[in-house]
PDB file of N, CA and C in Angstrom:
ATOM      1  N   MET A   1      97.220 119.045  68.467  1.00  0.00           N
ATOM      2  CA  MET A   1      96.121 118.590  69.215  1.00  0.00           C
ATOM      3  C   MET A   1      95.869 117.018  68.966  1.00  0.00           C
ATOM      4  N   ARG A   2      96.153 116.641  67.853  1.00  0.00           N
ATOM      5  CA  ARG A   2      95.970 115.086  67.647  1.00  0.00           C
ATOM      6  C   ARG A   2      97.049 114.285  68.497  1.00  0.00           C
ATOM      7  N   LEU A   3      98.179 114.913  68.452  1.00  0.00           N
ATOM      8  CA  LEU A   3      99.278 114.308  69.236  1.00  0.00           C
ATOM      9  C   LEU A   3      98.819 114.219  70.688  1.00  0.00           C
ATOM     10  N   LEU A   4      98.501 115.232  71.201  1.00  0.00           N
ATOM     11  CA  LEU A   4      98.092 115.350  72.603  1.00  0.00           C
ATOM     12  C   LEU A   4      97.026 114.314  72.963  1.00  0.00           C
ATOM     13  N   SER A   5      96.094 114.172  71.995  1.00  0.00           N
ATOM     14  CA  SER A   5      94.900 113.256  72.266  1.00  0.00           C
ATOM     15  C   SER A   5      95.385 111.853  72.227  1.00  0.00           C
ATOM     16  N   LEU A   6      96.374 111.509  71.229  1.00  0.00           N
ATOM     17  CA  LEU A   6      96.922 110.300  71.182  1.00  0.00           C
ATOM     18  C   LEU A   6      97.714 109.887  72.342  1.00  0.00           C
ATOM     19  N   LEU A   7      98.425 110.751  72.974  1.00  0.00           N
ATOM     20  CA  LEU A   7      99.255 110.530  74.276  1.00  0.00           C
ATOM     21  C   LEU A   7      98.320 110.320  75.361  1.00  0.00           C
ATOM     22  N   ILE A   8      97.236 111.034  75.538  1.00  0.00           N
ATOM     23  CA  ILE A   8      96.253 110.723  76.678  1.00  0.00           C
ATOM     24  C   ILE A   8      95.599 109.484  76.440  1.00  0.00           C
ATOM     25  N   PHE A   9      95.303 108.939  75.218  1.00  0.00           N
ATOM     26  CA  PHE A   9      94.658 107.643  74.944  1.00  0.00           C
ATOM     27  C   PHE A   9      95.708 106.536  75.355  1.00  0.00           C
ATOM     28  N   LEU A  10      96.928 106.620  74.888  1.00  0.00           N
ATOM     29  CA  LEU A  10      97.768 105.645  75.248  1.00  0.00           C
ATOM     30  C   LEU A  10      98.148 105.545  76.484  1.00  0.00           C
ATOM     31  N   SER A  11      98.113 106.632  77.401  1.00  0.00           N
ATOM     32  CA  SER A  11      98.504 106.630  78.818  1.00  0.00           C
ATOM     33  C   SER A  11      97.429 105.852  79.654  1.00  0.00           C
ATOM     34  N   THR A  12      96.233 105.849  78.945  1.00  0.00           N
ATOM     35  CA  THR A  12      95.142 105.296  79.732  1.00  0.00           C
ATOM     36  C   THR A  12      95.037 103.725  79.640  1.00  0.00           C
ATOM     37  N   LEU A  13      95.895 103.228  78.521  1.00  0.00           N
ATOM     38  CA  LEU A  13      95.802 101.714  78.325  1.00  0.00           C
ATOM     39  C   LEU A  13      96.528 100.917  79.341  1.00  0.00           C
ATOM     40  N   GLY A  14      97.523 101.346  79.867  1.00  0.00           N
ATOM     41  CA  GLY A  14      98.115 100.597  81.051  1.00  0.00           C
ATOM     42  C   GLY A  14      99.631 100.860  80.954  1.00  0.00           C
ATOM     43  N   PHE A  15     100.385 100.149  81.975  1.00  0.00           N
ATOM     44  CA  PHE A  15     101.794 100.273  82.174  1.00  0.00           C
ATOM     45  C   PHE A  15     102.311  98.923  82.162  1.00  0.00           C
ATOM     46  N   ALA A  16     103.323  98.722  81.230  1.00  0.00           N
ATOM     47  CA  ALA A  16     104.069  97.454  81.136  1.00  0.00           C
ATOM     48  C   ALA A  16     105.035  97.360  82.190  1.00  0.00           C
ATOM     49  N   GLY A  17     105.340  96.305  82.788  1.00  0.00           N
ATOM     50  CA  GLY A  17     106.302  96.096  83.796  1.00  0.00           C
ATOM     51  C   GLY A  17     106.460  94.612  84.397  1.00  0.00           C
ATOM     52  N   THR A  18     107.101  94.730  85.524  1.00  0.00           N
ATOM     53  CA  THR A  18     107.223  93.368  86.276  1.00  0.00           C
ATOM     54  C   THR A  18     106.855  93.672  87.741  1.00  0.00           C
ATOM     55  N   TRP A  19     106.159  92.799  88.487  1.00  0.00           N
ATOM     56  CA  TRP A  19     105.867  92.973  89.761  1.00  0.00           C
ATOM     57  C   TRP A  19     106.071  91.804  90.663  1.00  0.00           C
ATOM     58  N   SER A  20     106.632  91.906  91.694  1.00  0.00           N
ATOM     59  CA  SER A  20     106.991  90.839  92.619  1.00  0.00           C
ATOM     60  C   SER A  20     106.211  90.968  93.943  1.00  0.00           C
ATOM     61  N   GLY A  21     105.748  89.821  94.387  1.00  0.00           N
ATOM     62  CA  GLY A  21     105.082  89.765  95.666  1.00  0.00           C
ATOM     63  C   GLY A  21     104.673  88.451  96.147  1.00  0.00           C
ATOM     64  N   TYR A  22     103.842  88.378  97.072  1.00  0.00           N
ATOM     65  CA  TYR A  22     103.339  87.139  97.643  1.00  0.00           C
ATOM     66  C   TYR A  22     101.962  86.731  96.864  1.00  0.00           C
ATOM     67  N   LEU A  23     101.880  85.526  96.531  1.00  0.00           N
ATOM     68  CA  LEU A  23     100.822  84.991  95.735  1.00  0.00           C
ATOM     69  C   LEU A  23      99.651  84.567  96.771  1.00  0.00           C
ATOM     70  N   VAL A  24      98.314  85.137  96.725  1.00  0.00           N
ATOM     71  CA  VAL A  24      97.384  84.872  97.645  1.00  0.00           C
ATOM     72  C   VAL A  24      96.132  84.613  96.864  1.00  0.00           C
ATOM     73  N   ASP A  25      95.113  84.030  97.544  1.00  0.00           N
ATOM     74  CA  ASP A  25      93.818  83.678  97.075  1.00  0.00           C
ATOM     75  C   ASP A  25      93.097  85.104  97.064  1.00  0.00           C
ATOM     76  N   SER A  26      92.684  85.647  96.020  1.00  0.00           N
ATOM     77  CA  SER A  26      92.266  87.026  95.951  1.00  0.00           C
ATOM     78  C   SER A  26      90.959  87.304  96.728  1.00  0.00           C
ATOM     79  N   ARG A  27      89.979  86.376  96.687  1.00  0.00           N
ATOM     80  CA  ARG A  27      88.793  86.498  97.434  1.00  0.00           C
ATOM     81  C   ARG A  27      88.994  86.514  98.940  1.00  0.00           C
ATOM     82  N   CYS A  28      89.768  85.577  99.389  1.00  0.00           N
ATOM     83  CA  CYS A  28      90.120  85.437 100.769  1.00  0.00           C
ATOM     84  C   CYS A  28      90.913  86.731 101.271  1.00  0.00           C
ATOM     85  N   TYR A  29      91.831  87.175 100.544  1.00  0.00           N
ATOM     86  CA  TYR A  29      92.554  88.281 100.972  1.00  0.00           C
ATOM     87  C   TYR A  29      91.672  89.616 101.019  1.00  0.00           C
ATOM     88  N   ALA A  30      90.893  89.727 100.019  1.00  0.00           N
ATOM     89  CA  ALA A  30      89.907  90.969 100.041  1.00  0.00           C
ATOM     90  C   ALA A  30      89.092  90.793 101.235  1.00  0.00           C
ATOM     91  N   SER A  31      88.555  89.686 101.576  1.00  0.00           N
ATOM     92  CA  SER A  31      87.669  89.499 102.613  1.00  0.00           C
ATOM     93  C   SER A  31      88.461  89.847 104.092  1.00  0.00           C
ATOM     94  N   GLU A  32      89.746  89.459 104.130  1.00  0.00           N
ATOM     95  CA  GLU A  32      90.491  89.852 105.246  1.00  0.00           C
ATOM     96  C   GLU A  32      90.738  91.221 105.412  1.00  0.00           C
ATOM     97  N   GLN A  33      90.989  92.023 104.328  1.00  0.00           N
ATOM     98  CA  GLN A  33      91.230  93.401 104.307  1.00  0.00           C
ATOM     99  C   GLN A  33      89.872  94.072 104.574  1.00  0.00           C
ATOM    100  N   ASP A  34      88.762  93.651 104.197  1.00  0.00           N
ATOM    101  CA  ASP A  34      87.577  94.308 104.480  1.00  0.00           C
ATOM    102  C   ASP A  34      87.066  94.078 105.823  1.00  0.00           C
ATOM    103  N   ASN A  35      87.551  93.081 106.601  1.00  0.00           N
ATOM    104  CA  ASN A  35      87.088  92.649 107.846  1.00  0.00           C
ATOM    105  C   ASN A  35      87.748  93.344 108.963  1.00  0.00           C
ATOM    106  N   VAL A  36      87.771  94.740 108.900  1.00  0.00           N
ATOM    107  CA  VAL A  36      88.453  95.437 109.945  1.00  0.00           C
ATOM    108  C   VAL A  36      87.776  96.829 110.077  1.00  0.00           C
ATOM    109  N   SER A  37      87.785  97.463 111.209  1.00  0.00           N
ATOM    110  CA  SER A  37      87.240  98.675 111.316  1.00  0.00           C
ATOM    111  C   SER A  37      87.727  99.787 110.447  1.00  0.00           C
ATOM    112  N   ALA A  38      87.042 100.816 110.112  1.00  0.00           N
ATOM    113  CA  ALA A  38      87.470 101.765 109.118  1.00  0.00           C
ATOM    114  C   ALA A  38      88.653 102.604 109.624  1.00  0.00           C
ATOM    115  N   ASP A  39      88.926 102.697 110.776  1.00  0.00           N
ATOM    116  CA  ASP A  39      90.107 103.474 111.282  1.00  0.00           C
ATOM    117  C   ASP A  39      91.382 102.668 111.482  1.00  0.00           C
ATOM    118  N   THR A  40      91.336 101.412 111.150  1.00  0.00           N
ATOM    119  CA  THR A  40      92.561 100.461 111.243  1.00  0.00           C
ATOM    120  C   THR A  40      93.515 100.709 110.012  1.00  0.00           C
ATOM    121  N   THR A  41      94.769 100.894 110.327  1.00  0.00           N
ATOM    122  CA  THR A  41      95.679 101.013 109.456  1.00  0.00           C
ATOM    123  C   THR A  41      96.553  99.753 109.291  1.00  0.00           C
ATOM    124  N   THR A  42      97.522  99.684 108.340  1.00  0.00           N
ATOM    125  CA  THR A  42      98.443  98.536 108.075  1.00  0.00           C
ATOM    126  C   THR A  42      99.300  98.619 109.375  1.00  0.00           C
ATOM    127  N   VAL A  43      99.610  99.777 109.916  1.00  0.00           N
ATOM    128  CA  VAL A  43     100.565  99.789 111.103  1.00  0.00           C
ATOM    129  C   VAL A  43      99.836  99.122 112.339  1.00  0.00           C
ATOM    130  N   SER A  44      98.751  99.258 112.606  1.00  0.00           N
ATOM    131  CA  SER A  44      98.043  98.765 113.859  1.00  0.00           C
ATOM    132  C   SER A  44      97.441  97.456 113.808  1.00  0.00           C
ATOM    133  N   ARG A  45      97.770  96.680 112.627  1.00  0.00           N
ATOM    134  CA  ARG A  45      97.230  95.387 112.586  1.00  0.00           C
ATOM    135  C   ARG A  45      98.476  94.462 111.998  1.00  0.00           C
ATOM    136  N   ASP A  46      98.234  93.110 112.144  1.00  0.00           N
ATOM    137  CA  ASP A  46      99.141  92.081 111.739  1.00  0.00           C
ATOM    138  C   ASP A  46      98.817  91.741 110.370  1.00  0.00           C
ATOM    139  N   MET A  47      99.427  92.328 109.417  1.00  0.00           N
ATOM    140  CA  MET A  47      99.232  92.158 107.919  1.00  0.00           C
ATOM    141  C   MET A  47      99.820  90.641 107.600  1.00  0.00           C
ATOM    142  N   ASN A  48     100.756  90.151 108.235  1.00  0.00           N
ATOM    143  CA  ASN A  48     101.203  88.800 107.981  1.00  0.00           C
ATOM    144  C   ASN A  48     100.250  87.795 108.111  1.00  0.00           C
ATOM    145  N   PHE A  49      99.256  88.062 109.060  1.00  0.00           N
ATOM    146  CA  PHE A  49      98.218  87.106 109.287  1.00  0.00           C
ATOM    147  C   PHE A  49      97.369  86.833 108.022  1.00  0.00           C
ATOM    148  N   GLY A  50      97.017  87.974 107.372  1.00  0.00           N
ATOM    149  CA  GLY A  50      96.258  87.913 106.054  1.00  0.00           C
ATOM    150  C   GLY A  50      96.992  87.106 105.136  1.00  0.00           C
ATOM    151  N   LEU A  51      98.312  87.232 105.111  1.00  0.00           N
ATOM    152  CA  LEU A  51      99.090  86.476 103.976  1.00  0.00           C
ATOM    153  C   LEU A  51      99.054  85.060 104.295  1.00  0.00           C
ATOM    154  N   GLN A  52      99.262  84.602 105.789  1.00  0.00           N
ATOM    155  CA  GLN A  52      99.182  83.260 106.099  1.00  0.00           C
ATOM    156  C   GLN A  52      97.901  82.645 106.038  1.00  0.00           C
ATOM    157  N   GLN A  53      96.815  83.265 106.278  1.00  0.00           N
ATOM    158  CA  GLN A  53      95.436  82.774 106.148  1.00  0.00           C
ATOM    159  C   GLN A  53      94.892  82.504 104.732  1.00  0.00           C
ATOM    160  N   CYS A  54      95.553  83.500 103.899  1.00  0.00           N
ATOM    161  CA  CYS A  54      95.081  83.492 102.388  1.00  0.00           C
ATOM    162  C   CYS A  54      96.078  83.010 101.464  1.00  0.00           C
ATOM    163  N   GLY A  55      97.060  82.410 101.678  1.00  0.00           N
ATOM    164  CA  GLY A  55      98.129  81.950 100.818  1.00  0.00           C
ATOM    165  C   GLY A  55      97.473  81.068  99.772  1.00  0.00           C
ATOM    166  N   ALA A  56      98.072  81.003  98.605  1.00  0.00           N
ATOM    167  CA  ALA A  56      97.510  80.317  97.441  1.00  0.00           C
ATOM    168  C   ALA A  56      97.539  78.754  97.669  1.00  0.00           C
ATOM    169  N   THR A  57      96.542  78.054  97.473  1.00  0.00           N
ATOM    170  CA  THR A  57      96.473  76.581  97.709  1.00  0.00           C
ATOM    171  C   THR A  57      95.954  75.953  96.332  1.00  0.00           C
ATOM    172  N   LEU A  58      95.916  74.671  96.277  1.00  0.00           N
ATOM    173  CA  LEU A  58      95.501  74.063  95.313  1.00  0.00           C
ATOM    174  C   LEU A  58      94.061  74.240  94.797  1.00  0.00           C
ATOM    175  N   LYS A  59      93.234  74.606  95.727  1.00  0.00           N
ATOM    176  CA  LYS A  59      91.766  75.004  95.533  1.00  0.00           C
ATOM    177  C   LYS A  59      91.619  76.449  95.034  1.00  0.00           C
ATOM    178  N   THR A  60      92.596  77.203  95.087  1.00  0.00           N
ATOM    179  CA  THR A  60      92.383  78.582  94.747  1.00  0.00           C
ATOM    180  C   THR A  60      92.233  78.873  93.251  1.00  0.00           C
ATOM    181  N   LYS A  61      91.094  79.508  92.873  1.00  0.00           N
ATOM    182  CA  LYS A  61      90.677  79.856  91.481  1.00  0.00           C
ATOM    183  C   LYS A  61      91.170  81.180  90.961  1.00  0.00           C
ATOM    184  N   ARG A  62      91.061  82.235  91.968  1.00  0.00           N
ATOM    185  CA  ARG A  62      91.475  83.609  91.621  1.00  0.00           C
ATOM    186  C   ARG A  62      92.585  84.132  92.434  1.00  0.00           C
ATOM    187  N   PHE A  63      93.664  84.588  91.856  1.00  0.00           N
ATOM    188  CA  PHE A  63      94.797  85.018  92.563  1.00  0.00           C
ATOM    189  C   PHE A  63      95.144  86.419  92.492  1.00  0.00           C
ATOM    190  N   ALA A  64      95.848  86.829  93.407  1.00  0.00           N
ATOM    191  CA  ALA A  64      96.385  88.190  93.415  1.00  0.00           C
ATOM    192  C   ALA A  64      97.767  88.106  93.939  1.00  0.00           C
ATOM    193  N   ILE A  65      98.450  89.275  93.927  1.00  0.00           N
ATOM    194  CA  ILE A  65      99.849  89.472  94.444  1.00  0.00           C
ATOM    195  C   ILE A  65      99.746  90.581  95.483  1.00  0.00           C
ATOM    196  N   VAL A  66     100.343  90.312  96.571  1.00  0.00           N
ATOM    197  CA  VAL A  66     100.377  91.339  97.575  1.00  0.00           C
ATOM    198  C   VAL A  66     101.948  91.872  97.485  1.00  0.00           C
ATOM    199  N   LEU A  67     102.036  93.250  97.257  1.00  0.00           N
ATOM    200  CA  LEU A  67     103.311  93.852  97.039  1.00  0.00           C
ATOM    201  C   LEU A  67     103.954  94.130  98.366  1.00  0.00           C
ATOM    202  N   ASN A  68     105.127  94.657  98.349  1.00  0.00           N
ATOM    203  CA  ASN A  68     105.746  94.987  99.638  1.00  0.00           C
ATOM    204  C   ASN A  68     104.966  96.169 100.214  1.00  0.00           C
ATOM    205  N   ASP A  69     104.462  97.021  99.648  1.00  0.00           N
ATOM    206  CA  ASP A  69     103.778  98.050 100.359  1.00  0.00           C
ATOM    207  C   ASP A  69     102.281  97.757 100.765  1.00  0.00           C
ATOM    208  N   TRP A  70     101.924  96.475 100.632  1.00  0.00           N
ATOM    209  CA  TRP A  70     100.686  95.966 100.981  1.00  0.00           C
ATOM    210  C   TRP A  70      99.575  96.233  99.994  1.00  0.00           C
ATOM    211  N   SER A  71      99.963  96.815  98.889  1.00  0.00           N
ATOM    212  CA  SER A  71      98.845  96.889  97.741  1.00  0.00           C
ATOM    213  C   SER A  71      98.655  95.642  97.241  1.00  0.00           C
ATOM    214  N   VAL A  72      97.556  95.589  96.456  1.00  0.00           N
ATOM    215  CA  VAL A  72      97.057  94.154  95.893  1.00  0.00           C
ATOM    216  C   VAL A  72      96.928  94.420  94.571  1.00  0.00           C
ATOM    217  N   LEU A  73      97.510  93.547  93.674  1.00  0.00           N
ATOM    218  CA  LEU A  73      97.201  93.468  92.242  1.00  0.00           C
ATOM    219  C   LEU A  73      96.563  92.044  91.885  1.00  0.00           C
ATOM    220  N   LYS A  74      95.448  92.077  91.137  1.00  0.00           N
ATOM    221  CA  LYS A  74      94.783  90.825  90.856  1.00  0.00           C
ATOM    222  C   LYS A  74      95.355  90.394  89.506  1.00  0.00           C
ATOM    223  N   LEU A  75      95.096  89.161  89.163  1.00  0.00           N
ATOM    224  CA  LEU A  75      95.673  88.531  88.002  1.00  0.00           C
ATOM    225  C   LEU A  75      94.406  88.419  86.944  1.00  0.00           C
ATOM    226  N   ASP A  76      94.691  88.492  85.758  1.00  0.00           N
ATOM    227  CA  ASP A  76      93.516  88.300  84.770  1.00  0.00           C
ATOM    228  C   ASP A  76      93.306  86.766  84.803  1.00  0.00           C
ATOM    229  N   ALA A  77      92.500  86.489  83.832  1.00  0.00           N
ATOM    230  CA  ALA A  77      92.181  85.050  83.692  1.00  0.00           C
ATOM    231  C   ALA A  77      93.364  84.108  83.255  1.00  0.00           C
ATOM    232  N   ALA A  78      94.078  84.594  82.248  1.00  0.00           N
ATOM    233  CA  ALA A  78      95.273  83.894  81.820  1.00  0.00           C
ATOM    234  C   ALA A  78      96.376  83.758  83.079  1.00  0.00           C
ATOM    235  N   GLY A  79      96.497  84.847  83.797  1.00  0.00           N
ATOM    236  CA  GLY A  79      97.414  84.850  84.894  1.00  0.00           C
ATOM    237  C   GLY A  79      96.879  83.838  85.988  1.00  0.00           C
ATOM    238  N   ASN A  80      95.623  83.782  86.125  1.00  0.00           N
ATOM    239  CA  ASN A  80      95.076  82.804  87.109  1.00  0.00           C
ATOM    240  C   ASN A  80      95.325  81.316  86.632  1.00  0.00           C
ATOM    241  N   GLU A  81      95.222  81.064  85.453  1.00  0.00           N
ATOM    242  CA  GLU A  81      95.606  79.662  84.930  1.00  0.00           C
ATOM    243  C   GLU A  81      97.032  79.492  85.064  1.00  0.00           C
ATOM    244  N   LYS A  82      97.860  80.424  84.805  1.00  0.00           N
ATOM    245  CA  LYS A  82      99.358  80.195  84.954  1.00  0.00           C
ATOM    246  C   LYS A  82      99.802  79.999  86.524  1.00  0.00           C
ATOM    247  N   ALA A  83      99.052  80.893  87.334  1.00  0.00           N
ATOM    248  CA  ALA A  83      99.374  80.871  88.763  1.00  0.00           C
ATOM    249  C   ALA A  83      98.879  79.452  89.375  1.00  0.00           C
ATOM    250  N   ALA A  84      97.845  79.006  88.750  1.00  0.00           N
ATOM    251  CA  ALA A  84      97.228  77.572  89.304  1.00  0.00           C
ATOM    252  C   ALA A  84      98.129  76.547  88.912  1.00  0.00           C
ATOM    253  N   ALA A  85      98.783  76.473  87.721  1.00  0.00           N
ATOM    254  CA  ALA A  85      99.561  75.466  87.126  1.00  0.00           C
ATOM    255  C   ALA A  85     100.948  75.457  88.033  1.00  0.00           C
ATOM    256  N   MET A  86     101.368  76.889  88.446  1.00  0.00           N
ATOM    257  CA  MET A  86     102.596  76.929  89.186  1.00  0.00           C
ATOM    258  C   MET A  86     102.351  76.426  90.545  1.00  0.00           C
ATOM    259  N   VAL A  87     101.268  76.631  91.193  1.00  0.00           N
ATOM    260  CA  VAL A  87     101.030  76.085  92.481  1.00  0.00           C
ATOM    261  C   VAL A  87     100.861  74.536  92.472  1.00  0.00           C
ATOM    262  N   ARG A  88     100.099  74.013  91.432  1.00  0.00           N
ATOM    263  CA  ARG A  88     100.091  72.515  91.262  1.00  0.00           C
ATOM    264  C   ARG A  88     101.394  71.871  91.175  1.00  0.00           C
ATOM    265  N   ASN A  89     102.360  72.549  90.482  1.00  0.00           N
ATOM    266  CA  ASN A  89     103.705  72.060  90.254  1.00  0.00           C
ATOM    267  C   ASN A  89     104.529  72.197  91.400  1.00  0.00           C
ATOM    268  N   HIS A  90     104.327  73.045  92.228  1.00  0.00           N
ATOM    269  CA  HIS A  90     105.235  73.401  93.525  1.00  0.00           C
ATOM    270  C   HIS A  90     104.478  73.374  94.809  1.00  0.00           C
ATOM    271  N   SER A  91     103.404  72.585  94.872  1.00  0.00           N
ATOM    272  CA  SER A  91     102.519  72.553  95.949  1.00  0.00           C
ATOM    273  C   SER A  91     103.111  72.157  97.351  1.00  0.00           C
ATOM    274  N   ARG A  92     103.098  72.883  98.387  1.00  0.00           N
ATOM    275  CA  ARG A  92     103.420  72.697  99.723  1.00  0.00           C
ATOM    276  C   ARG A  92     102.473  73.207 100.528  1.00  0.00           C
ATOM    277  N   ARG A  93     102.092  72.633 101.640  1.00  0.00           N
ATOM    278  CA  ARG A  93     101.001  73.006 102.498  1.00  0.00           C
ATOM    279  C   ARG A  93     101.301  74.475 103.055  1.00  0.00           C
ATOM    280  N   SER A  94     102.407  74.623 103.664  1.00  0.00           N
ATOM    281  CA  SER A  94     102.538  75.921 104.486  1.00  0.00           C
ATOM    282  C   SER A  94     103.408  76.987 103.747  1.00  0.00           C
ATOM    283  N   ALA A  95     103.574  76.792 102.468  1.00  0.00           N
ATOM    284  CA  ALA A  95     104.461  77.809 101.694  1.00  0.00           C
ATOM    285  C   ALA A  95     103.749  79.051 101.334  1.00  0.00           C
ATOM    286  N   LEU A  96     104.355  80.042 101.465  1.00  0.00           N
ATOM    287  CA  LEU A  96     103.974  81.406 100.821  1.00  0.00           C
ATOM    288  C   LEU A  96     104.879  81.476  99.523  1.00  0.00           C
ATOM    289  N   TYR A  97     104.188  81.675  98.377  1.00  0.00           N
ATOM    290  CA  TYR A  97     104.946  81.703  97.165  1.00  0.00           C
ATOM    291  C   TYR A  97     105.270  83.281  96.872  1.00  0.00           C
ATOM    292  N   CYS A  98     106.505  83.531  96.636  1.00  0.00           N
ATOM    293  CA  CYS A  98     106.988  84.698  96.151  1.00  0.00           C
ATOM    294  C   CYS A  98     107.270  84.588  94.714  1.00  0.00           C
ATOM    295  N   ILE A  99     106.388  85.414  93.952  1.00  0.00           N
ATOM    296  CA  ILE A  99     106.502  85.401  92.543  1.00  0.00           C
ATOM    297  C   ILE A  99     106.748  86.665  91.939  1.00  0.00           C
ATOM    298  N   THR A 100     107.080  86.726  90.554  1.00  0.00           N
ATOM    299  CA  THR A 100     107.256  87.619  89.737  1.00  0.00           C
ATOM    300  C   THR A 100     106.477  87.573  88.528  1.00  0.00           C
ATOM    301  N   VAL A 101     105.715  88.563  88.292  1.00  0.00           N
ATOM    302  CA  VAL A 101     104.708  88.480  87.219  1.00  0.00           C
ATOM    303  C   VAL A 101     105.177  89.733  86.177  1.00  0.00           C
ATOM    304  N   ALA A 102     105.238  89.313  84.821  1.00  0.00           N
ATOM    305  CA  ALA A 102     105.387  90.456  83.906  1.00  0.00           C
ATOM    306  C   ALA A 102     104.112  90.628  83.170  1.00  0.00           C
ATOM    307  N   GLY A 103     103.813  91.753  82.638  1.00  0.00           N
ATOM    308  CA  GLY A 103     102.528  92.236  82.015  1.00  0.00           C
ATOM    309  C   GLY A 103     102.425  93.616  81.953  1.00  0.00           C
ATOM    310  N   THR A 104     100.989  93.863  81.722  1.00  0.00           N
ATOM    311  CA  THR A 104     100.624  95.306  81.528  1.00  0.00           C
ATOM    312  C   THR A 104      99.504  95.538  82.818  1.00  0.00           C
ATOM    313  N   ARG A 105      99.866  96.634  83.654  1.00  0.00           N
ATOM    314  CA  ARG A 105      98.860  96.990  84.636  1.00  0.00           C
ATOM    315  C   ARG A 105      97.694  97.913  84.281  1.00  0.00           C
ATOM    316  N   ILE A 106      96.465  97.553  84.359  1.00  0.00           N
ATOM    317  CA  ILE A 106      95.410  98.349  84.190  1.00  0.00           C
ATOM    318  C   ILE A 106      94.791  98.327  85.537  1.00  0.00           C
ATOM    319  N   LYS A 107      94.828  99.507  86.120  1.00  0.00           N
ATOM    320  CA  LYS A 107      94.274  99.906  87.386  1.00  0.00           C
ATOM    321  C   LYS A 107      94.843  98.827  88.484  1.00  0.00           C
ATOM    322  N   ASN A 108      94.114  98.038  89.059  1.00  0.00           N
ATOM    323  CA  ASN A 108      94.591  97.026  90.035  1.00  0.00           C
ATOM    324  C   ASN A 108      94.643  95.621  89.551  1.00  0.00           C
ATOM    325  N   MET A 109      94.699  95.476  88.260  1.00  0.00           N
ATOM    326  CA  MET A 109      94.863  94.270  87.494  1.00  0.00           C
ATOM    327  C   MET A 109      95.992  94.074  86.587  1.00  0.00           C
ATOM    328  N   ILE A 110      96.536  92.904  86.638  1.00  0.00           N
ATOM    329  CA  ILE A 110      97.774  92.856  85.577  1.00  0.00           C
ATOM    330  C   ILE A 110      97.331  91.737  84.535  1.00  0.00           C
ATOM    331  N   VAL A 111      97.242  92.371  83.139  1.00  0.00           N
ATOM    332  CA  VAL A 111      97.218  91.478  82.140  1.00  0.00           C
ATOM    333  C   VAL A 111      98.448  90.745  82.050  1.00  0.00           C
ATOM    334  N   THR A 112      98.358  89.430  82.234  1.00  0.00           N
ATOM    335  CA  THR A 112      99.717  88.814  82.553  1.00  0.00           C
ATOM    336  C   THR A 112     100.380  88.363  81.391  1.00  0.00           C
ATOM    337  N   GLY A 113     101.692  88.344  81.638  1.00  0.00           N
ATOM    338  CA  GLY A 113     102.668  87.432  80.705  1.00  0.00           C
ATOM    339  C   GLY A 113     103.061  86.464  81.634  1.00  0.00           C
ATOM    340  N   PRO A 114     104.452  86.250  81.700  1.00  0.00           N
ATOM    341  CA  PRO A 114     104.980  85.080  82.391  1.00  0.00           C
ATOM    342  C   PRO A 114     104.677  85.208  83.986  1.00  0.00           C
ATOM    343  N   VAL A 115     104.498  84.231  84.730  1.00  0.00           N
ATOM    344  CA  VAL A 115     104.292  84.046  86.036  1.00  0.00           C
ATOM    345  C   VAL A 115     105.407  83.049  86.485  1.00  0.00           C
ATOM    346  N   VAL A 116     106.481  83.720  87.272  1.00  0.00           N
ATOM    347  CA  VAL A 116     107.754  82.798  87.713  1.00  0.00           C
ATOM    348  C   VAL A 116     107.687  82.922  89.247  1.00  0.00           C
ATOM    349  N   LEU A 117     108.001  81.660  89.741  1.00  0.00           N
ATOM    350  CA  LEU A 117     108.215  81.506  91.202  1.00  0.00           C
ATOM    351  C   LEU A 117     109.676  82.042  91.609  1.00  0.00           C
ATOM    352  N   ALA A 118     109.573  83.041  92.206  1.00  0.00           N
ATOM    353  CA  ALA A 118     110.812  83.822  92.578  1.00  0.00           C
ATOM    354  C   ALA A 118     111.499  83.072  93.776  1.00  0.00           C
ATOM    355  N   SER A 119     110.849  82.582  94.798  1.00  0.00           N
ATOM    356  CA  SER A 119     111.374  81.920  95.877  1.00  0.00           C
ATOM    357  C   SER A 119     110.294  81.371  96.627  1.00  0.00           C
ATOM    358  N   ARG A 120     110.616  80.452  97.557  1.00  0.00           N
ATOM    359  CA  ARG A 120     109.547  79.991  98.467  1.00  0.00           C
ATOM    360  C   ARG A 120     109.875  80.474  99.940  1.00  0.00           C
ATOM    361  N   ARG A 121     108.887  81.019 100.599  1.00  0.00           N
ATOM    362  CA  ARG A 121     109.314  81.611 101.891  1.00  0.00           C
ATOM    363  C   ARG A 121     108.229  81.015 102.831  1.00  0.00           C
ATOM    364  N   THR A 122     108.412  80.760 103.855  1.00  0.00           N
ATOM    365  CA  THR A 122     107.413  80.079 104.883  1.00  0.00           C
ATOM    366  C   THR A 122     106.987  81.371 105.752  1.00  0.00           C
ATOM    367  N   GLN A 123     107.732  82.336 105.954  1.00  0.00           N
ATOM    368  CA  GLN A 123     107.295  83.385 106.817  1.00  0.00           C
ATOM    369  C   GLN A 123     107.872  84.717 106.082  1.00  0.00           C
ATOM    370  N   ARG A 124     107.074  85.779 106.419  1.00  0.00           N
ATOM    371  CA  ARG A 124     107.475  87.091 105.705  1.00  0.00           C
ATOM    372  C   ARG A 124     108.207  87.901 106.821  1.00  0.00           C
TER     373      ARG A 124
END
């Protein structure tokens, strides 16, 4: 019984791993996603538009990663600092940053380890 309780507790803590996707302004992208009718799916709208409108800039304070399946993972405070430093060091006006983040996932947030620029892409 104790072992089962321990396993359940540990499984709720989070999952370590790496995630790759496009770096976006978390608030802007959430607003873009919420600004559609309830019956609209990712198939019936231009998801790239949200990426282009909400790409990370020098002014971005809170970051998120958009994965290939269009799910969104937010970065924690340390991840936001690392992402902001990366954007400052590689700043380009029209670039979409494809990054890889290592850390522990807790629901829709990543408790961040390293944030690495995977490549620069101007279009998806």
